[in-house]
C-alpha atoms as a PDB file:
ATOM      1  CA  UNK A   1     -35.124 -12.349 -13.010  1.00  0.00           C
ATOM      2  CA  UNK A   2     -33.544 -10.607 -16.180  1.00  0.00           C
ATOM      3  CA  UNK A   3     -29.852 -10.583 -16.885  1.00  0.00           C
ATOM      4  CA  UNK A   4     -29.096  -7.590 -17.073  1.00  0.00           C
ATOM      5  CA  UNK A   5     -27.159  -5.267 -14.789  1.00  0.00           C
ATOM      6  CA  UNK A   6     -26.793  -1.947 -13.759  1.00  0.00           C
ATOM      7  CA  UNK A   7     -23.684   0.670 -14.967  1.00  0.00           C
ATOM      8  CA  UNK A   8     -23.610   2.782 -11.971  1.00  0.00           C
ATOM      9  CA  UNK A   9     -22.286   6.152 -12.536  1.00  0.00           C
ATOM     10  CA  UNK A  10     -24.483   8.180  -9.870  1.00  0.00           C
ATOM     11  CA  UNK A  11     -26.190   7.643  -6.521  1.00  0.00           C
ATOM     12  CA  UNK A  12     -29.167   6.637  -7.815  1.00  0.00           C
ATOM     13  CA  UNK A  13     -28.085   3.682  -9.869  1.00  0.00           C
ATOM     14  CA  UNK A  14     -25.541   2.878  -7.163  1.00  0.00           C
ATOM     15  CA  UNK A  15     -28.448   2.470  -4.806  1.00  0.00           C
ATOM     16  CA  UNK A  16     -30.533   0.655  -7.801  1.00  0.00           C
ATOM     17  CA  UNK A  17     -27.710  -1.494  -8.050  1.00  0.00           C
ATOM     18  CA  UNK A  18     -27.414  -2.274  -4.237  1.00  0.00           C
ATOM     19  CA  UNK A  19     -31.127  -3.244  -4.535  1.00  0.00           C
ATOM     20  CA  UNK A  20     -30.809  -5.847  -7.432  1.00  0.00           C
ATOM     21  CA  UNK A  21     -27.805  -7.509  -5.005  1.00  0.00           C
ATOM     22  CA  UNK A  22     -30.173  -7.566  -1.904  1.00  0.00           C
ATOM     23  CA  UNK A  23     -32.547  -9.586  -4.227  1.00  0.00           C
ATOM     24  CA  UNK A  24     -30.201 -11.500  -5.899  1.00  0.00           C
ATOM     25  CA  UNK A  25     -28.545 -12.617  -2.713  1.00  0.00           C
ATOM     26  CA  UNK A  26     -31.066 -15.508  -1.989  1.00  0.00           C
ATOM     27  CA  UNK A  27     -31.594 -17.280  -5.224  1.00  0.00           C
ATOM     28  CA  UNK A  28     -30.141 -20.438  -5.721  1.00  0.00           C
ATOM     29  CA  UNK A  29     -30.229 -19.860  -9.515  1.00  0.00           C
ATOM     30  CA  UNK A  30     -26.342 -20.287 -11.221  1.00  0.00           C
ATOM     31  CA  UNK A  31     -27.640 -17.541 -13.484  1.00  0.00           C
ATOM     32  CA  UNK A  32     -28.963 -15.369 -10.490  1.00  0.00           C
ATOM     33  CA  UNK A  33     -25.296 -16.314  -8.955  1.00  0.00           C
ATOM     34  CA  UNK A  34     -23.267 -15.119 -11.822  1.00  0.00           C
ATOM     35  CA  UNK A  35     -25.283 -11.858 -12.236  1.00  0.00           C
ATOM     36  CA  UNK A  36     -24.422 -11.453  -8.141  1.00  0.00           C
ATOM     37  CA  UNK A  37     -21.078 -11.887  -8.216  1.00  0.00           C
ATOM     38  CA  UNK A  38     -21.073  -9.539 -11.645  1.00  0.00           C
ATOM     39  CA  UNK A  39     -22.751  -6.769 -10.313  1.00  0.00           C
ATOM     40  CA  UNK A  40     -21.069  -7.082  -6.843  1.00  0.00           C
ATOM     41  CA  UNK A  41     -17.620  -6.121  -8.841  1.00  0.00           C
ATOM     42  CA  UNK A  42     -19.486  -3.379 -10.395  1.00  0.00           C
ATOM     43  CA  UNK A  43     -20.263  -1.985  -6.957  1.00  0.00           C
ATOM     44  CA  UNK A  44     -16.804  -2.850  -5.697  1.00  0.00           C
ATOM     45  CA  UNK A  45     -15.525  -0.162  -9.211  1.00  0.00           C
ATOM     46  CA  UNK A  46     -17.774   2.172  -8.138  1.00  0.00           C
ATOM     47  CA  UNK A  47     -16.583   2.568  -4.444  1.00  0.00           C
ATOM     48  CA  UNK A  48     -13.002   2.580  -4.889  1.00  0.00           C
ATOM     49  CA  UNK A  49     -13.628   5.212  -7.532  1.00  0.00           C
ATOM     50  CA  UNK A  50     -15.991   7.237  -5.402  1.00  0.00           C
ATOM     51  CA  UNK A  51     -14.495   6.778  -2.132  1.00  0.00           C
ATOM     52  CA  UNK A  52     -10.935   5.707  -2.809  1.00  0.00           C
ATOM     53  CA  UNK A  53      -8.584   3.952  -0.419  1.00  0.00           C
ATOM     54  CA  UNK A  54      -6.089   6.143   1.441  1.00  0.00           C
ATOM     55  CA  UNK A  55      -2.944   4.474   2.982  1.00  0.00           C
ATOM     56  CA  UNK A  56      -3.024   4.466   6.648  1.00  0.00           C
ATOM     57  CA  UNK A  57      -0.694   6.802   8.678  1.00  0.00           C
ATOM     58  CA  UNK A  58       1.422   5.243  10.839  1.00  0.00           C
ATOM     59  CA  UNK A  59       0.812   7.733  13.860  1.00  0.00           C
ATOM     60  CA  UNK A  60      -2.771   7.787  13.591  1.00  0.00           C
ATOM     61  CA  UNK A  61      -2.901   4.143  13.442  1.00  0.00           C
ATOM     62  CA  UNK A  62      -0.516   3.627  16.408  1.00  0.00           C
ATOM     63  CA  UNK A  63      -3.020   5.778  18.687  1.00  0.00           C
ATOM     64  CA  UNK A  64      -5.249   3.921  17.200  1.00  0.00           C
ATOM     65  CA  UNK A  65      -4.101   0.671  18.712  1.00  0.00           C
ATOM     66  CA  UNK A  66      -3.502   2.501  21.605  1.00  0.00           C
ATOM     67  CA  UNK A  67      -6.800   4.150  22.158  1.00  0.00           C
ATOM     68  CA  UNK A  68      -8.763   0.051  21.833  1.00  0.00           C
ATOM     69  CA  UNK A  69      -6.247  -0.951  24.024  1.00  0.00           C
ATOM     70  CA  UNK A  70      -6.422   1.546  26.791  1.00  0.00           C
ATOM     71  CA  UNK A  71      -2.955   2.467  26.419  1.00  0.00           C
ATOM     72  CA  UNK A  72      -1.406   5.789  27.284  1.00  0.00           C
ATOM     73  CA  UNK A  73       1.919   7.352  25.945  1.00  0.00           C
ATOM     74  CA  UNK A  74       3.454   6.286  29.227  1.00  0.00           C
ATOM     75  CA  UNK A  75       2.598   2.512  28.385  1.00  0.00           C
ATOM     76  CA  UNK A  76       4.228   3.130  24.875  1.00  0.00           C
ATOM     77  CA  UNK A  77       7.994   4.063  25.854  1.00  0.00           C
ATOM     78  CA  UNK A  78       8.754   0.141  26.642  1.00  0.00           C
ATOM     79  CA  UNK A  79       7.549  -0.458  22.571  1.00  0.00           C
ATOM     80  CA  UNK A  80       8.850   3.085  21.246  1.00  0.00           C
ATOM     81  CA  UNK A  81      11.874   3.697  23.219  1.00  0.00           C
ATOM     82  CA  UNK A  82      12.232   7.596  25.207  1.00  0.00           C
ATOM     83  CA  UNK A  83       9.102   9.785  26.423  1.00  0.00           C
ATOM     84  CA  UNK A  84      10.244  11.857  23.886  1.00  0.00           C
ATOM     85  CA  UNK A  85      10.531   9.235  20.820  1.00  0.00           C
ATOM     86  CA  UNK A  86       7.036   8.614  22.174  1.00  0.00           C
ATOM     87  CA  UNK A  87       5.520  12.509  21.484  1.00  0.00           C
ATOM     88  CA  UNK A  88       7.968  12.446  17.899  1.00  0.00           C
ATOM     89  CA  UNK A  89       6.562   9.118  16.532  1.00  0.00           C
ATOM     90  CA  UNK A  90       2.979   9.728  17.620  1.00  0.00           C
ATOM     91  CA  UNK A  91       3.000  13.356  15.722  1.00  0.00           C
ATOM     92  CA  UNK A  92       4.659  11.622  12.885  1.00  0.00           C
ATOM     93  CA  UNK A  93       7.926  13.471  12.889  1.00  0.00           C
ATOM     94  CA  UNK A  94      10.109   9.848  13.577  1.00  0.00           C
ATOM     95  CA  UNK A  95       9.597   7.243  11.880  1.00  0.00           C
ATOM     96  CA  UNK A  96       9.479   3.730  12.975  1.00  0.00           C
ATOM     97  CA  UNK A  97      13.265   1.329  14.028  1.00  0.00           C
ATOM     98  CA  UNK A  98      12.742  -2.352  13.211  1.00  0.00           C
ATOM     99  CA  UNK A  99      12.885  -3.564  16.738  1.00  0.00           C
ATOM    100  CA  UNK A 100       9.968  -0.340  17.039  1.00  0.00           C
ATOM    101  CA  UNK A 101       8.149  -2.895  14.950  1.00  0.00           C
ATOM    102  CA  UNK A 102       9.084  -5.951  15.807  1.00  0.00           C
ATOM    103  CA  UNK A 103       7.709  -4.474  19.181  1.00  0.00           C
ATOM    104  CA  UNK A 104       4.627  -3.136  17.913  1.00  0.00           C
ATOM    105  CA  UNK A 105       3.682  -6.138  16.225  1.00  0.00           C
ATOM    106  CA  UNK A 106       4.434  -8.287  19.179  1.00  0.00           C
ATOM    107  CA  UNK A 107       1.852  -6.207  21.152  1.00  0.00           C
ATOM    108  CA  UNK A 108      -0.662  -5.326  19.513  1.00  0.00           C
ATOM    109  CA  UNK A 109      -0.295  -9.055  17.257  1.00  0.00           C
ATOM    110  CA  UNK A 110      -0.592  -7.203  13.964  1.00  0.00           C
ATOM    111  CA  UNK A 111       1.011  -8.006  11.095  1.00  0.00           C
ATOM    112  CA  UNK A 112       4.367  -6.024  10.477  1.00  0.00           C
ATOM    113  CA  UNK A 113       3.722  -4.500   6.990  1.00  0.00           C
ATOM    114  CA  UNK A 114       0.553  -2.453   9.043  1.00  0.00           C
ATOM    115  CA  UNK A 115       3.400  -0.438  10.752  1.00  0.00           C
ATOM    116  CA  UNK A 116       5.693  -0.362   7.670  1.00  0.00           C
ATOM    117  CA  UNK A 117       5.900   3.077   5.189  1.00  0.00           C
ATOM    118  CA  UNK A 118       4.944   2.475   1.378  1.00  0.00           C
ATOM    119  CA  UNK A 119       7.241   1.886  -0.860  1.00  0.00           C
ATOM    120  CA  UNK A 120       8.186   4.438  -2.604  1.00  0.00           C
ATOM    121  CA  UNK A 121       8.053   4.953  -6.360  1.00  0.00           C
ATOM    122  CA  UNK A 122      10.960   5.287  -8.664  1.00  0.00           C
ATOM    123  CA  UNK A 123      11.280   8.150 -10.489  1.00  0.00           C
ATOM    124  CA  UNK A 124      11.806   8.277 -13.858  1.00  0.00           C
ATOM    125  CA  UNK A 125      13.550  11.406 -13.781  1.00  0.00           C
ATOM    126  CA  UNK A 126      17.213  11.301 -14.844  1.00  0.00           C
ATOM    127  CA  UNK A 127      19.819   8.980 -12.816  1.00  0.00           C
ATOM    128  CA  UNK A 128      21.628  10.368  -9.928  1.00  0.00           C
ATOM    129  CA  UNK A 129      25.378  11.158 -10.618  1.00  0.00           C
ATOM    130  CA  UNK A 130      26.378   7.725  -9.017  1.00  0.00           C
ATOM    131  CA  UNK A 131      24.594   5.519 -11.174  1.00  0.00           C
ATOM    132  CA  UNK A 132      25.289   7.915 -14.399  1.00  0.00           C
ATOM    133  CA  UNK A 133      29.179   7.754 -13.446  1.00  0.00           C
ATOM    134  CA  UNK A 134      29.024   3.993 -12.877  1.00  0.00           C
ATOM    135  CA  UNK A 135      27.585   3.634 -16.108  1.00  0.00           C
ATOM    136  CA  UNK A 136      29.869   5.736 -18.089  1.00  0.00           C
ATOM    137  CA  UNK A 137      32.675   3.887 -16.331  1.00  0.00           C
ATOM    138  CA  UNK A 138      30.510   0.143 -17.629  1.00  0.00           C
ATOM    139  CA  UNK A 139      30.593   1.269 -20.863  1.00  0.00           C
ATOM    140  CA  UNK A 140      34.270   2.435 -20.980  1.00  0.00           C
ATOM    141  CA  UNK A 141      35.326  -0.914 -19.387  1.00  0.00           C
ATOM    142  CA  UNK A 142      33.204  -3.087 -21.918  1.00  0.00           C
ATOM    143  CA  UNK A 143      34.547  -1.263 -25.027  1.00  0.00           C
ATOM    144  CA  UNK A 144      38.074  -1.502 -23.835  1.00  0.00           C
ATOM    145  CA  UNK A 145      37.711  -5.156 -23.353  1.00  0.00           C
ATOM    146  CA  UNK A 146      35.691  -5.774 -26.754  1.00  0.00           C
ATOM    147  CA  UNK A 147      37.722  -3.345 -28.891  1.00  0.00           C
ATOM    148  CA  UNK A 148      40.527  -5.536 -30.811  1.00  0.00           C
ATOM    149  CA  UNK A 149      44.480  -5.170 -29.301  1.00  0.00           C
ATOM    150  CA  UNK A 150      46.866  -4.588 -31.618  1.00  0.00           C
ATOM    151  CA  UNK A 151      50.300  -4.751 -31.247  1.00  0.00           C
ATOM    152  CA  UNK A 152      52.977  -2.714 -32.018  1.00  0.00           C
ATOM    153  CA  UNK A 153      55.221  -4.519 -34.403  1.00  0.00           C
ATOM    154  CA  UNK A 154      57.672  -1.546 -35.298  1.00  0.00           C
END
């Protein structure tokens, strides 16, 4: 086969690239294997740009797990607390405590990080008043320690 790769920027080229991968899949030639890997990376990049992944909603995940295991809201009370807490969690109004995460993780045999909210991005805005005050205090104390002490000889 020729050694070209298909750069994907349309649905037609996407279909051609997938057909190429299907043809290369059966080859044992090292050149074709390298080409298969490169084309697969191009396909993955196109799919990620065309259909980006969204972070899973914890409430949706729990509802999915309940559906897969045939559980009702009443079955979730031992894991999440009270019936009202189950309702709040499933509506996305309340987050999970660490104890809830542990119980859900144990019950459904899933990694705890699926049940934790994604970390917040640090804002590039101005620091808070408390941080700014502590920085000013640090600067003040640092300048006082660096300043030479003078004696009054008078």
